[in-house]
Amino acid sequence: MNLRETILAEHSKANCNKIVTWVGDSQKRFDGLFNLFLNSEYRINQRAAWPLSYCVIAHPYFISRHFAKLIKNLHKPGIHDSVKRNTVRLLQHISIPKEFHGEIMDLCFHYLSSPTEPVAVKAFSLTILQNLSKQYPEIKNEIRLIIEERWEHETAAFHSRAKKFLKS
């Protein structure tokens, strides 16, 4: 399979699943997908982000050698929403290396409190913060304050995740 051509062929769930199946449990194939994800061509990196997230959810160890680059990528100016969304989606499902906890918390707090971030990015960020709050209970009050501050401006999806957090 020519992965680049497959990514460019179409943006669909079927194509995403095709790529995930092709990667399977191959670290080498995943590494190729990750390199395309970091590509500077916006169409390629935004389309590679979706199958990348599903590959990592299925095989969390795939991302370990790329973790620093994954997080560095979130700091790029003008990063596409799909890249952010799929990155924070996968971060919900993995054990985040301790050395990145502070940086990821900062990013998630920023996403959560921003009026311009898409709701999925906020919802996934809230789950990441909830996961990290088990190790850092002192962040719970800050999360609650942001939820209260943003409540009236947010969607049902945000409210759903926020209610789950507040109940825990």
C-alpha atoms as a PDB file:
ATOM      1  CA  MET A   1       0.000   0.000   0.000  1.00  0.00           C
ATOM      2  CA  ASN A   2       1.199   3.496  -0.801  1.00  0.00           C
ATOM      3  CA  LEU A   3       0.180   5.123   2.472  1.00  0.00           C
ATOM      4  CA  ARG A   4       0.475   8.702   1.244  1.00  0.00           C
ATOM      5  CA  GLU A   5      -1.754   8.001  -1.765  1.00  0.00           C
ATOM      6  CA  THR A   6      -4.266   6.159   0.393  1.00  0.00           C
ATOM      7  CA  ILE A   7      -4.436   9.079   2.837  1.00  0.00           C
ATOM      8  CA  LEU A   8      -4.976  11.522  -0.024  1.00  0.00           C
ATOM      9  CA  ALA A   9      -7.535   9.297  -1.807  1.00  0.00           C
ATOM     10  CA  GLU A  10     -10.424  10.183   0.495  1.00  0.00           C
ATOM     11  CA  HIS A  11     -11.287  11.308   3.992  1.00  0.00           C
ATOM     12  CA  SER A  12     -13.758   8.724   5.253  1.00  0.00           C
ATOM     13  CA  LYS A  13     -14.299   6.298   8.091  1.00  0.00           C
ATOM     14  CA  ALA A  14     -13.819   3.428   5.639  1.00  0.00           C
ATOM     15  CA  ASN A  15     -10.430   4.793   4.545  1.00  0.00           C
ATOM     16  CA  CYS A  16      -9.450   5.401   8.166  1.00  0.00           C
ATOM     17  CA  ASN A  17     -10.301   1.786   9.000  1.00  0.00           C
ATOM     18  CA  LYS A  18      -8.394   0.574   5.947  1.00  0.00           C
ATOM     19  CA  ILE A  19      -5.256   2.361   7.158  1.00  0.00           C
ATOM     20  CA  VAL A  20      -5.652   1.125  10.739  1.00  0.00           C
ATOM     21  CA  THR A  21      -6.052  -2.442   9.470  1.00  0.00           C
ATOM     22  CA  TRP A  22      -3.009  -2.062   7.214  1.00  0.00           C
ATOM     23  CA  VAL A  23      -0.890  -0.783  10.127  1.00  0.00           C
ATOM     24  CA  GLY A  24      -2.138  -3.649  12.297  1.00  0.00           C
ATOM     25  CA  ASP A  25       0.433  -4.400  14.971  1.00  0.00           C
ATOM     26  CA  SER A  26       3.419  -3.234  12.917  1.00  0.00           C
ATOM     27  CA  GLN A  27       5.549  -0.584  14.597  1.00  0.00           C
ATOM     28  CA  LYS A  28       7.324   0.022  11.284  1.00  0.00           C
ATOM     29  CA  ARG A  29       4.060   0.796   9.463  1.00  0.00           C
ATOM     30  CA  PHE A  30       2.928   2.971  12.355  1.00  0.00           C
ATOM     31  CA  ASP A  31       6.214   4.890  12.181  1.00  0.00           C
ATOM     32  CA  GLY A  32       5.489   5.604   8.522  1.00  0.00           C
ATOM     33  CA  LEU A  33       2.019   6.862   9.406  1.00  0.00           C
ATOM     34  CA  PHE A  34       3.474   9.010  12.184  1.00  0.00           C
ATOM     35  CA  ASN A  35       5.965  10.578   9.764  1.00  0.00           C
ATOM     36  CA  LEU A  36       3.082  11.509   7.459  1.00  0.00           C
ATOM     37  CA  PHE A  37       1.215  12.905  10.464  1.00  0.00           C
ATOM     38  CA  LEU A  38       4.133  15.282  11.059  1.00  0.00           C
ATOM     39  CA  ASN A  39       4.177  16.239   7.362  1.00  0.00           C
ATOM     40  CA  SER A  40       3.954  19.953   6.626  1.00  0.00           C
ATOM     41  CA  GLU A  41       1.215  19.423   4.021  1.00  0.00           C
ATOM     42  CA  TYR A  42      -1.964  20.209   5.923  1.00  0.00           C
ATOM     43  CA  ARG A  43      -4.156  17.781   3.972  1.00  0.00           C
ATOM     44  CA  ILE A  44      -1.820  14.881   4.732  1.00  0.00           C
ATOM     45  CA  ASN A  45      -1.287  15.565   8.421  1.00  0.00           C
ATOM     46  CA  GLN A  46      -4.948  16.236   9.145  1.00  0.00           C
ATOM     47  CA  ARG A  47      -6.004  13.033   7.348  1.00  0.00           C
ATOM     48  CA  ALA A  48      -3.250  10.957   8.963  1.00  0.00           C
ATOM     49  CA  ALA A  49      -4.338  12.131  12.419  1.00  0.00           C
ATOM     50  CA  TRP A  50      -7.554  10.107  12.494  1.00  0.00           C
ATOM     51  CA  PRO A  51      -6.112   6.636  11.818  1.00  0.00           C
ATOM     52  CA  LEU A  52      -3.082   7.522  13.955  1.00  0.00           C
ATOM     53  CA  SER A  53      -5.320   8.059  16.979  1.00  0.00           C
ATOM     54  CA  TYR A  54      -7.055   4.704  16.483  1.00  0.00           C
ATOM     55  CA  CYS A  55      -3.738   2.903  16.036  1.00  0.00           C
ATOM     56  CA  VAL A  56      -2.453   4.322  19.328  1.00  0.00           C
ATOM     57  CA  ILE A  57      -5.680   3.512  21.167  1.00  0.00           C
ATOM     58  CA  ALA A  58      -5.342  -0.102  19.976  1.00  0.00           C
ATOM     59  CA  HIS A  59      -1.557  -0.266  20.522  1.00  0.00           C
ATOM     60  CA  PRO A  60      -0.471   2.389  23.075  1.00  0.00           C
ATOM     61  CA  TYR A  61       3.180   1.305  22.913  1.00  0.00           C
ATOM     62  CA  PHE A  62       3.366   2.531  19.287  1.00  0.00           C
ATOM     63  CA  ILE A  63       3.583   6.164  20.401  1.00  0.00           C
ATOM     64  CA  SER A  64       6.244   5.764  23.101  1.00  0.00           C
ATOM     65  CA  ARG A  65       9.213   6.452  20.795  1.00  0.00           C
ATOM     66  CA  HIS A  66       7.391   9.432  19.248  1.00  0.00           C
ATOM     67  CA  PHE A  67       5.855  10.986  22.344  1.00  0.00           C
ATOM     68  CA  ALA A  68       8.055  14.088  22.525  1.00  0.00           C
ATOM     69  CA  LYS A  69       7.399  14.844  18.835  1.00  0.00           C
ATOM     70  CA  LEU A  70       3.663  14.285  19.330  1.00  0.00           C
ATOM     71  CA  ILE A  71       3.508  16.884  22.099  1.00  0.00           C
ATOM     72  CA  LYS A  72       5.855  19.295  20.307  1.00  0.00           C
ATOM     73  CA  ASN A  73       3.494  19.139  17.332  1.00  0.00           C
ATOM     74  CA  LEU A  74       0.662  20.527  19.504  1.00  0.00           C
ATOM     75  CA  HIS A  75       2.693  23.718  19.972  1.00  0.00           C
ATOM     76  CA  LYS A  76       2.949  24.476  16.254  1.00  0.00           C
ATOM     77  CA  PRO A  77       1.182  27.700  15.309  1.00  0.00           C
ATOM     78  CA  GLY A  78      -1.894  27.235  13.157  1.00  0.00           C
ATOM     79  CA  ILE A  79      -2.194  23.522  13.839  1.00  0.00           C
ATOM     80  CA  HIS A  80      -5.374  22.133  12.271  1.00  0.00           C
ATOM     81  CA  ASP A  81      -8.255  21.299  14.621  1.00  0.00           C
ATOM     82  CA  SER A  82      -8.297  17.681  13.433  1.00  0.00           C
ATOM     83  CA  VAL A  83      -4.664  17.263  14.467  1.00  0.00           C
ATOM     84  CA  LYS A  84      -5.410  18.665  17.936  1.00  0.00           C
ATOM     85  CA  ARG A  85      -8.634  16.681  18.255  1.00  0.00           C
ATOM     86  CA  ASN A  86      -7.065  13.351  17.333  1.00  0.00           C
ATOM     87  CA  THR A  87      -3.979  13.968  19.461  1.00  0.00           C
ATOM     88  CA  VAL A  88      -5.989  14.716  22.591  1.00  0.00           C
ATOM     89  CA  ARG A  89      -8.337  11.826  21.722  1.00  0.00           C
ATOM     90  CA  LEU A  90      -5.455   9.349  21.899  1.00  0.00           C
ATOM     91  CA  LEU A  91      -3.991  10.965  25.033  1.00  0.00           C
ATOM     92  CA  GLN A  92      -7.178  10.024  26.914  1.00  0.00           C
ATOM     93  CA  HIS A  93      -6.428   6.346  26.395  1.00  0.00           C
ATOM     94  CA  ILE A  94      -2.750   6.022  27.219  1.00  0.00           C
ATOM     95  CA  SER A  95      -0.476   6.283  30.197  1.00  0.00           C
ATOM     96  CA  ILE A  96       1.215   9.651  29.724  1.00  0.00           C
ATOM     97  CA  PRO A  97       4.925   9.657  30.631  1.00  0.00           C
ATOM     98  CA  LYS A  98       5.437  11.567  33.879  1.00  0.00           C
ATOM     99  CA  GLU A  99       7.936  13.980  32.326  1.00  0.00           C
ATOM    100  CA  PHE A 100       5.114  15.356  30.117  1.00  0.00           C
ATOM    101  CA  HIS A 101       2.411  15.709  32.785  1.00  0.00           C
ATOM    102  CA  GLY A 102       2.953  19.427  33.390  1.00  0.00           C
ATOM    103  CA  GLU A 103       3.132  20.343  29.722  1.00  0.00           C
ATOM    104  CA  ILE A 104       0.036  18.319  28.867  1.00  0.00           C
ATOM    105  CA  MET A 105      -1.877  19.784  31.803  1.00  0.00           C
ATOM    106  CA  ASP A 106      -0.980  23.294  30.605  1.00  0.00           C
ATOM    107  CA  LEU A 107      -2.154  22.499  27.071  1.00  0.00           C
ATOM    108  CA  CYS A 108      -5.387  20.924  28.284  1.00  0.00           C
ATOM    109  CA  PHE A 109      -6.152  23.814  30.647  1.00  0.00           C
ATOM    110  CA  HIS A 110      -5.566  26.193  27.736  1.00  0.00           C
ATOM    111  CA  TYR A 111      -7.879  24.202  25.426  1.00  0.00           C
ATOM    112  CA  LEU A 112     -10.531  23.830  28.106  1.00  0.00           C
ATOM    113  CA  SER A 113     -10.689  27.534  28.945  1.00  0.00           C
ATOM    114  CA  SER A 114     -10.462  28.819  25.367  1.00  0.00           C
ATOM    115  CA  PRO A 115     -13.688  30.150  23.860  1.00  0.00           C
ATOM    116  CA  THR A 116     -12.487  29.255  20.356  1.00  0.00           C
ATOM    117  CA  GLU A 117     -11.443  25.608  20.722  1.00  0.00           C
ATOM    118  CA  PRO A 118     -13.793  23.027  19.194  1.00  0.00           C
ATOM    119  CA  VAL A 119     -15.955  21.152  21.689  1.00  0.00           C
ATOM    120  CA  ALA A 120     -14.302  17.774  21.002  1.00  0.00           C
ATOM    121  CA  VAL A 121     -10.875  19.189  21.875  1.00  0.00           C
ATOM    122  CA  LYS A 122     -12.321  20.571  25.104  1.00  0.00           C
ATOM    123  CA  ALA A 123     -14.130  17.351  25.987  1.00  0.00           C
ATOM    124  CA  PHE A 124     -11.058  15.199  25.393  1.00  0.00           C
ATOM    125  CA  SER A 125      -8.907  17.690  27.326  1.00  0.00           C
ATOM    126  CA  LEU A 126     -11.297  17.468  30.254  1.00  0.00           C
ATOM    127  CA  THR A 127     -10.954  13.682  30.292  1.00  0.00           C
ATOM    128  CA  ILE A 128      -7.150  13.929  30.182  1.00  0.00           C
ATOM    129  CA  LEU A 129      -7.215  16.378  33.098  1.00  0.00           C
ATOM    130  CA  GLN A 130      -9.585  14.105  34.983  1.00  0.00           C
ATOM    131  CA  ASN A 131      -7.178  11.191  34.452  1.00  0.00           C
ATOM    132  CA  LEU A 132      -4.232  13.293  35.630  1.00  0.00           C
ATOM    133  CA  SER A 133      -6.177  14.617  38.636  1.00  0.00           C
ATOM    134  CA  LYS A 134      -5.920  11.139  40.165  1.00  0.00           C
ATOM    135  CA  GLN A 135      -2.184  11.784  40.540  1.00  0.00           C
ATOM    136  CA  TYR A 136      -2.526  15.541  41.061  1.00  0.00           C
ATOM    137  CA  PRO A 137      -5.715  16.112  43.089  1.00  0.00           C
ATOM    138  CA  GLU A 138      -4.788  19.764  43.545  1.00  0.00           C
ATOM    139  CA  ILE A 139      -5.834  20.505  39.931  1.00  0.00           C
ATOM    140  CA  LYS A 140      -9.472  19.528  40.584  1.00  0.00           C
ATOM    141  CA  ASN A 141     -10.436  22.964  41.921  1.00  0.00           C
ATOM    142  CA  GLU A 142      -8.988  24.713  38.870  1.00  0.00           C
ATOM    143  CA  ILE A 143     -10.900  22.353  36.577  1.00  0.00           C
ATOM    144  CA  ARG A 144     -14.130  23.051  38.488  1.00  0.00           C
ATOM    145  CA  LEU A 145     -13.572  26.808  38.184  1.00  0.00           C
ATOM    146  CA  ILE A 146     -13.072  26.567  34.419  1.00  0.00           C
ATOM    147  CA  ILE A 147     -16.188  24.397  34.064  1.00  0.00           C
ATOM    148  CA  GLU A 148     -18.243  26.936  36.013  1.00  0.00           C
ATOM    149  CA  GLU A 149     -16.767  29.835  34.042  1.00  0.00           C
ATOM    150  CA  ARG A 150     -17.412  28.219  30.628  1.00  0.00           C
ATOM    151  CA  TRP A 151     -20.713  26.455  31.440  1.00  0.00           C
ATOM    152  CA  GLU A 152     -23.180  28.897  29.888  1.00  0.00           C
ATOM    153  CA  HIS A 153     -21.086  29.249  26.722  1.00  0.00           C
ATOM    154  CA  GLU A 154     -20.614  25.555  26.000  1.00  0.00           C
ATOM    155  CA  THR A 155     -22.478  22.791  24.207  1.00  0.00           C
ATOM    156  CA  ALA A 156     -24.240  19.660  25.432  1.00  0.00           C
ATOM    157  CA  ALA A 157     -21.117  17.583  24.727  1.00  0.00           C
ATOM    158  CA  PHE A 158     -19.075  19.786  27.055  1.00  0.00           C
ATOM    159  CA  HIS A 159     -21.826  19.654  29.691  1.00  0.00           C
ATOM    160  CA  SER A 160     -21.897  15.861  29.507  1.00  0.00           C
ATOM    161  CA  ARG A 161     -18.151  15.505  30.123  1.00  0.00           C
ATOM    162  CA  ALA A 162     -18.193  18.234  32.753  1.00  0.00           C
ATOM    163  CA  LYS A 163     -20.995  16.500  34.676  1.00  0.00           C
ATOM    164  CA  LYS A 164     -19.004  13.253  34.658  1.00  0.00           C
ATOM    165  CA  PHE A 165     -16.003  15.104  36.036  1.00  0.00           C
ATOM    166  CA  LEU A 166     -18.038  16.880  38.727  1.00  0.00           C
ATOM    167  CA  LYS A 167     -19.579  13.567  39.865  1.00  0.00           C
ATOM    168  CA  SER A 168     -16.199  11.867  40.241  1.00  0.00           C
END
